[in-house]
Protein backbone atom coordinates (compact mmCIF):
# COMPACT_ATOMS: atom_id res chain seq x y z
CA UNK A 1 129.71 52.28 70.04
CA UNK A 2 131.10 53.75 73.19
CA UNK A 3 129.66 57.20 72.34
CA UNK A 4 126.26 55.67 71.54
CA UNK A 5 126.21 53.87 74.91
CA UNK A 6 127.09 57.09 76.73
CA UNK A 7 124.38 58.98 74.86
CA UNK A 8 121.88 56.25 75.74
CA UNK A 9 122.81 56.46 79.43
CA UNK A 10 122.60 60.25 79.35
CA UNK A 11 119.19 60.02 77.68
CA UNK A 12 117.98 57.52 80.30
CA UNK A 13 119.29 59.75 83.09
CA UNK A 14 117.58 62.78 81.61
CA UNK A 15 114.32 60.87 81.24
CA UNK A 16 114.55 59.66 84.83
CA UNK A 17 115.23 63.19 86.01
CA UNK A 18 112.36 64.60 84.00
CA UNK A 19 110.08 61.86 85.20
CA UNK A 20 110.99 62.68 88.80
CA UNK A 21 110.41 66.39 88.20
CA UNK A 22 107.02 65.70 86.73
CA UNK A 23 106.10 63.64 89.77
CA UNK A 24 107.14 66.44 92.10
CA UNK A 25 105.33 69.01 89.98
CA UNK A 26 102.25 66.83 89.95
CA UNK A 27 102.50 66.40 93.72
CA UNK A 28 102.90 70.15 94.17
CA UNK A 29 99.99 70.78 91.83
CA UNK A 30 97.85 68.22 93.66
CA UNK A 31 98.85 69.73 96.97
CA UNK A 32 97.97 73.21 95.74
CA UNK A 33 94.70 71.89 94.36
CA UNK A 34 93.91 70.19 97.67
CA UNK A 35 94.76 73.40 99.56
CA UNK A 36 92.52 75.38 97.22
CA UNK A 37 89.74 72.87 97.71
CA UNK A 38 90.13 73.07 101.48
CA UNK A 39 90.00 76.86 101.33
CA UNK A 40 86.94 76.72 99.07
CA UNK A 41 85.17 74.42 101.52
CA UNK A 42 86.12 76.74 104.35
CA UNK A 43 84.91 79.74 102.36
CA UNK A 44 81.57 78.00 101.84
CA UNK A 45 81.13 77.72 105.61
CA UNK A 46 81.32 81.50 105.92
CA UNK A 47 78.35 83.10 104.25
CA UNK A 48 77.68 86.82 104.01
CA UNK A 49 73.98 87.51 104.35
CA UNK A 50 72.39 90.56 102.76
CA UNK A 51 69.13 90.73 104.72
CA UNK A 52 69.35 92.62 108.02
CA UNK A 53 66.30 91.02 109.66
CA UNK A 54 67.47 87.54 108.69
CA UNK A 55 70.94 88.23 110.14
CA UNK A 56 69.47 89.45 113.45
CA UNK A 57 67.14 86.45 113.70
CA UNK A 58 70.01 84.04 113.05
CA UNK A 59 72.23 85.83 115.56
CA UNK A 60 69.53 85.60 118.20
CA UNK A 61 68.91 81.95 117.44
CA UNK A 62 72.61 80.99 117.55
CA UNK A 63 73.72 83.43 120.26
CA UNK A 64 76.30 85.05 117.99
CA UNK A 65 77.33 88.60 117.26
CA UNK A 66 76.57 90.22 113.89
CA UNK A 67 79.34 91.85 111.89
CA UNK A 68 77.85 94.40 109.49
CA UNK A 69 80.13 95.39 106.62
CA UNK A 70 79.08 98.60 104.86
CA UNK A 71 81.07 98.33 101.64
CA UNK A 72 81.50 99.60 98.13
CA UNK A 73 82.53 96.16 96.91
CA UNK A 74 83.32 97.05 93.32
CA UNK A 75 84.97 100.47 93.67
CA UNK A 76 86.23 101.12 97.23
CA UNK A 77 89.95 100.32 97.44
CA UNK A 78 90.00 99.86 101.22
CA UNK A 79 86.92 97.60 101.02
CA UNK A 80 88.60 95.44 98.42
CA UNK A 81 91.79 95.33 100.49
CA UNK A 82 89.80 94.32 103.60
CA UNK A 83 88.21 91.47 101.67
CA UNK A 84 91.57 90.33 100.24
CA UNK A 85 93.68 90.74 103.38
CA UNK A 86 91.18 89.69 106.05
CA UNK A 87 87.83 88.23 104.98
CA UNK A 88 89.27 85.79 102.43
CA UNK A 89 91.84 84.34 104.84
CA UNK A 90 91.23 80.94 106.50
CA UNK A 91 91.99 82.35 109.96
CA UNK A 92 89.16 84.89 109.70
CA UNK A 93 86.81 82.43 108.01
CA UNK A 94 87.29 79.90 110.81
CA UNK A 95 86.69 82.58 113.45
CA UNK A 96 83.61 83.91 111.67
CA UNK A 97 82.14 80.44 111.15
CA UNK A 98 82.32 79.83 114.89
CA UNK A 99 81.46 83.23 116.34
CA UNK A 100 79.77 85.61 113.90
CA UNK A 101 76.83 86.18 111.63
CA UNK A 102 78.15 88.18 108.67
CA UNK A 103 76.04 90.85 106.97
CA UNK A 104 77.19 92.71 103.88
CA UNK A 105 75.45 95.97 103.04
CA UNK A 106 76.81 96.88 99.64
CA UNK A 107 76.81 100.19 97.78
CA UNK A 108 78.27 99.20 94.40
CA UNK A 109 78.73 101.50 91.43
CA UNK A 110 79.05 99.02 88.58
CA UNK A 111 76.55 96.35 89.52
CA UNK A 112 72.85 96.80 90.14
CA UNK A 113 71.25 95.57 93.36
CA UNK A 114 67.53 94.80 93.62
CA UNK A 115 65.50 97.88 94.65
CA UNK A 116 64.45 96.30 97.97
CA UNK A 117 68.10 95.67 98.88
CA UNK A 118 69.08 99.22 97.89
CA UNK A 119 66.30 100.61 100.11
CA UNK A 120 67.27 98.41 103.07
CA UNK A 121 70.95 99.34 102.74
CA UNK A 122 70.18 103.07 102.47
CA UNK A 123 67.95 102.97 105.57
CA UNK A 124 70.64 101.14 107.55
CA UNK A 125 73.33 103.52 106.31
CA UNK A 126 71.26 106.38 107.69
CA UNK A 127 70.41 104.53 110.93
CA UNK A 128 74.07 103.79 111.67
CA UNK A 129 75.32 107.18 110.40
CA UNK A 130 77.73 105.65 107.89
CA UNK A 131 79.64 108.29 105.92
CA UNK A 132 82.49 106.27 104.41
CA UNK A 133 83.55 102.77 103.46
CA UNK A 134 84.44 100.34 104.76
CA UNK A 135 82.55 100.89 107.98
CA UNK A 136 81.83 97.86 110.13
CA UNK A 137 79.60 97.51 113.15
CA UNK A 138 79.59 94.68 115.62
CA UNK A 139 76.18 93.97 117.12
CA UNK A 140 75.33 91.74 120.04
CA UNK A 141 72.77 88.93 119.45
CA UNK A 142 69.99 91.37 120.41
CA UNK A 143 71.00 93.80 117.65
CA UNK A 144 72.63 96.45 119.85
CA UNK A 145 75.82 98.04 118.45
CA UNK A 146 78.80 97.16 120.65
CA UNK A 147 81.64 98.26 118.39
CA UNK A 148 82.60 100.07 115.22
CA UNK A 149 85.59 99.35 113.00
CA UNK A 150 87.14 100.30 109.71
CA UNK A 151 90.06 98.79 107.84
CA UNK A 152 92.66 97.56 110.32
CA UNK A 153 96.16 96.78 109.01
CA UNK A 154 97.77 93.56 110.18
CA UNK A 155 95.61 90.92 108.54
CA UNK A 156 93.10 88.59 110.16
CA UNK A 157 94.86 88.38 113.52
CA UNK A 158 94.70 92.16 114.11
CA UNK A 159 91.10 92.32 112.88
CA UNK A 160 89.98 89.43 115.10
CA UNK A 161 91.74 91.03 118.06
CA UNK A 162 89.78 94.25 117.45
CA UNK A 163 86.54 92.25 117.28
CA UNK A 164 87.36 90.46 120.51
CA UNK A 165 88.10 93.69 122.34
CA UNK A 166 84.67 95.04 121.37
CA UNK A 167 82.89 92.63 123.72
């Protein structure tokens, strides 16, 4: 009887422990889910346009600078790294949502862009003299180039600092 009572207490203790662990795991999972949701909402605020004229019109209307990203989104390693290490981070997204109009001019290898977009991107590549990826230009609200960048190590803070110094 004594052994049965001890086993029962051990079982209750184990169940209580497991129940507590599940609560913490659930809380962690909920917290992670809430963080993901917050990041998703933040990501929705930052939209990359693909139409040059639309980006310039919006920049003029809102008094913001345009960040043009010439990219090979599905094959260029540095482009992918820039997206992962800078553009996808909340710090950059918050900055961009407040200060920039984002324009992506893509030159993919595995996906097909509409012909009109391919033509626009090729004309702009020639206009800006782009020879490699990623190449980024910062334009003032009037469409004048005020800075040129590439991949900058150091995450969003270093990239934002480079953008700020291009005023």
